[in-house]
Amino acid sequence: LQMVDGSEIPACDLERALREIPGTIVLLIDCCDSGGFIGTYDEMDSFVGGVVAAFSGEAAPFGGAKYKVLASASLMQDSYRIGYGDSGDEGGTATVFARALGDGSGWDMDDQRKGALNADTDYNGQITLWEAYLYTSRRVHWYLSLAGDGAYAQDVQVYPKGDNFVLFDWEE
């Protein structure tokens, strides 16, 4: 699923498409306002309205044990992109969230090779949803602080909080 520059999908339609897949569904949502997939908000309009309605306490189709969600930004926040490498073109950019997730899960984007499992806080060779959230949250803030003196705000979101579901299992 790739949504770019104004593409829309109501959360209830996404959930309906995923509902029949057996097992646990992990959503890594990297777009502006992505926190709306797991939060609530009073104003219900356009894309945000559809997302919020689906994730409010009343409907919440992505609540419950079937779904694990890591979202790049809070509701009403942008999801930023930064450059890497020497190319200086669109191919040399990534979202701050994607870069932070790559950093944490063992992919060195600059050198295009395996790196350290930076998000593995207990050093067991696995990265849980909660470890990924803790690492990406800090890393996103760090990247954005380098980009501009507090001018950018992007807060990674997670559902459910504290969940130890394994996202990445490192094997040599």
Protein backbone atom coordinates (compact mmCIF):
# COMPACT_ATOMS: atom_id res chain seq x y z
CA LEU A 1 0.00 0.00 0.00
CA GLN A 2 1.54 3.28 -1.08
CA MET A 3 -0.30 6.54 -0.66
CA VAL A 4 1.34 9.68 -2.00
CA ASP A 5 0.39 13.36 -2.08
CA GLY A 6 -3.28 13.31 -1.24
CA SER A 7 -4.21 9.70 -1.98
CA GLU A 8 -6.94 8.54 0.36
CA ILE A 9 -8.30 5.34 1.82
CA PRO A 10 -10.72 5.27 4.75
CA ALA A 11 -9.43 3.14 7.61
CA CYS A 12 -12.61 1.05 7.55
CA ASP A 13 -11.90 0.11 3.89
CA LEU A 14 -8.32 -0.84 4.74
CA GLU A 15 -9.49 -2.93 7.68
CA ARG A 16 -12.10 -4.65 5.50
CA ALA A 17 -9.37 -5.56 2.99
CA LEU A 18 -7.13 -6.96 5.74
CA ARG A 19 -9.81 -8.66 7.85
CA GLU A 20 -9.72 -12.01 6.06
CA ILE A 21 -5.97 -12.45 6.35
CA PRO A 22 -5.30 -14.96 9.13
CA GLY A 23 -2.99 -14.18 12.02
CA THR A 24 -1.61 -10.93 13.31
CA ILE A 25 -1.51 -7.92 10.97
CA VAL A 26 1.31 -5.39 11.37
CA LEU A 27 0.71 -1.94 9.90
CA LEU A 28 3.71 0.32 9.41
CA ILE A 29 1.98 3.52 8.32
CA ASP A 30 4.26 6.23 7.01
CA CYS A 31 2.28 9.25 5.90
CA CYS A 32 1.10 12.61 7.17
CA ASP A 33 -1.62 12.32 9.85
CA SER A 34 -0.95 8.58 10.22
CA GLY A 35 -1.54 8.73 13.97
CA GLY A 36 -5.22 9.10 13.13
CA PHE A 37 -5.25 5.37 12.50
CA ILE A 38 -4.90 4.81 16.25
CA GLY A 39 -6.19 8.05 17.81
CA THR A 40 -9.29 10.14 18.19
CA TYR A 41 -10.06 13.70 17.19
CA ASP A 42 -13.14 15.93 17.34
CA GLU A 43 -13.23 17.23 13.75
CA MET A 44 -14.38 14.64 11.23
CA ASP A 45 -13.58 15.75 7.71
CA SER A 46 -12.14 14.19 4.56
CA PHE A 47 -9.43 11.56 5.00
CA VAL A 48 -8.81 12.38 8.64
CA GLY A 49 -12.48 11.94 9.43
CA GLY A 50 -12.57 8.46 7.94
CA VAL A 51 -9.44 7.39 9.72
CA VAL A 52 -10.50 8.80 13.08
CA ALA A 53 -13.99 7.30 12.91
CA ALA A 54 -12.53 3.87 12.32
CA PHE A 55 -10.10 4.16 15.21
CA SER A 56 -12.28 5.90 17.77
CA GLY A 57 -13.26 3.97 20.85
CA GLU A 58 -16.65 3.26 19.27
CA ALA A 59 -15.55 1.58 16.04
CA ALA A 60 -11.80 0.85 16.38
CA PRO A 61 -11.47 -1.89 13.73
CA PHE A 62 -7.70 -1.89 14.19
CA GLY A 63 -7.99 -2.23 17.95
CA GLY A 64 -7.69 -5.65 19.48
CA ALA A 65 -5.10 -8.37 19.34
CA LYS A 66 -5.16 -8.92 15.55
CA TYR A 67 -3.54 -5.57 14.72
CA LYS A 68 -0.21 -3.99 15.63
CA VAL A 69 0.36 -0.44 14.37
CA LEU A 70 3.43 1.75 14.14
CA ALA A 71 2.57 5.16 12.64
CA SER A 72 5.09 7.78 11.57
CA ALA A 73 3.30 10.87 12.96
CA SER A 74 0.48 12.05 15.17
CA LEU A 75 -2.83 13.15 13.79
CA MET A 76 -2.43 16.63 12.28
CA GLN A 77 1.34 16.23 11.83
CA ASP A 78 3.34 15.97 8.64
CA SER A 79 5.64 13.05 7.90
CA TYR A 80 8.94 14.50 6.69
CA ARG A 81 11.54 13.34 4.17
CA ILE A 82 15.31 13.80 4.38
CA GLY A 83 18.17 13.22 1.99
CA TYR A 84 20.93 10.64 2.36
CA GLY A 85 23.93 9.69 0.32
CA ASP A 86 25.45 11.90 -2.35
CA SER A 87 22.85 11.75 -5.13
CA GLY A 88 20.85 14.87 -4.19
CA ASP A 89 17.86 13.63 -6.20
CA GLU A 90 14.52 12.07 -5.24
CA GLY A 91 16.14 8.62 -5.21
CA GLY A 92 18.41 9.83 -2.42
CA THR A 93 15.62 10.72 0.00
CA ALA A 94 13.63 8.72 2.50
CA THR A 95 11.04 9.55 5.06
CA VAL A 96 12.49 10.26 8.47
CA PHE A 97 10.38 7.39 9.86
CA ALA A 98 11.63 4.89 7.25
CA ARG A 99 15.22 5.91 7.82
CA ALA A 100 14.81 5.63 11.62
CA LEU A 101 13.13 2.23 11.28
CA GLY A 102 15.92 1.04 8.99
CA ASP A 103 18.55 2.32 11.44
CA GLY A 104 16.88 0.48 14.30
CA SER A 105 16.24 -2.79 12.49
CA GLY A 106 19.71 -3.35 11.12
CA TRP A 107 19.85 -1.66 7.72
CA ASP A 108 22.48 0.99 7.01
CA MET A 109 20.85 3.17 4.38
CA ASP A 110 24.01 5.15 3.64
CA ASP A 111 26.12 2.08 2.87
CA GLN A 112 23.22 -0.14 1.66
CA ARG A 113 24.20 -3.04 3.90
CA LYS A 114 23.38 -4.75 7.16
CA GLY A 115 24.16 -2.71 10.23
CA ALA A 116 23.67 -2.99 13.97
CA LEU A 117 20.30 -3.85 15.52
CA ASN A 118 20.12 -0.50 17.28
CA ALA A 119 16.52 -0.93 18.49
CA ASP A 120 17.26 -4.26 20.21
CA THR A 121 17.43 -2.88 23.75
CA ASP A 122 17.67 -6.28 25.46
CA TYR A 123 20.25 -7.65 22.96
CA ASN A 124 18.32 -10.85 22.23
CA GLY A 125 18.53 -10.59 18.43
CA GLN A 126 14.87 -9.60 18.11
CA ILE A 127 13.13 -6.25 17.79
CA THR A 128 9.65 -6.01 19.26
CA LEU A 129 6.96 -3.51 18.32
CA TRP A 130 7.67 -1.61 21.55
CA GLU A 131 11.45 -1.55 20.97
CA ALA A 132 10.88 -0.32 17.40
CA TYR A 133 8.59 2.41 18.70
CA LEU A 134 11.02 3.57 21.38
CA TYR A 135 13.94 3.68 18.96
CA THR A 136 12.13 5.29 16.01
CA SER A 137 10.55 7.91 18.28
CA ARG A 138 13.95 9.06 19.53
CA ARG A 139 15.63 8.76 16.15
CA VAL A 140 12.93 10.72 14.30
CA HIS A 141 13.26 13.54 16.83
CA TRP A 142 17.05 13.46 16.44
CA TYR A 143 16.92 13.61 12.62
CA LEU A 144 14.48 16.50 12.71
CA SER A 145 16.57 18.38 15.27
CA LEU A 146 19.46 18.24 12.79
CA ALA A 147 17.18 19.58 10.08
CA GLY A 148 16.05 22.73 11.78
CA ASP A 149 16.05 24.05 15.33
CA GLY A 150 12.71 22.66 16.48
CA ALA A 151 10.88 23.82 13.37
CA TYR A 152 9.63 20.31 12.62
CA ALA A 153 7.38 18.18 14.82
CA GLN A 154 6.76 14.51 14.14
CA ASP A 155 5.82 12.09 16.91
CA VAL A 156 5.82 8.35 16.15
CA GLN A 157 2.73 6.52 17.45
CA VAL A 158 2.20 2.88 18.46
CA TYR A 159 -0.70 0.54 19.17
CA PRO A 160 -0.81 -1.25 21.51
CA LYS A 161 1.60 0.44 23.87
CA GLY A 162 4.20 -1.82 25.50
CA ASP A 163 3.52 -4.71 23.09
CA ASN A 164 6.32 -7.30 22.80
CA PHE A 165 5.23 -8.71 19.43
CA VAL A 166 8.43 -9.55 17.49
CA LEU A 167 8.75 -7.50 14.29
CA PHE A 168 12.30 -8.41 13.32
CA ASP A 169 14.29 -11.53 14.18
CA TRP A 170 17.95 -11.27 13.25
CA GLU A 171 19.55 -14.36 11.77
CA GLU A 172 23.15 -14.48 10.56
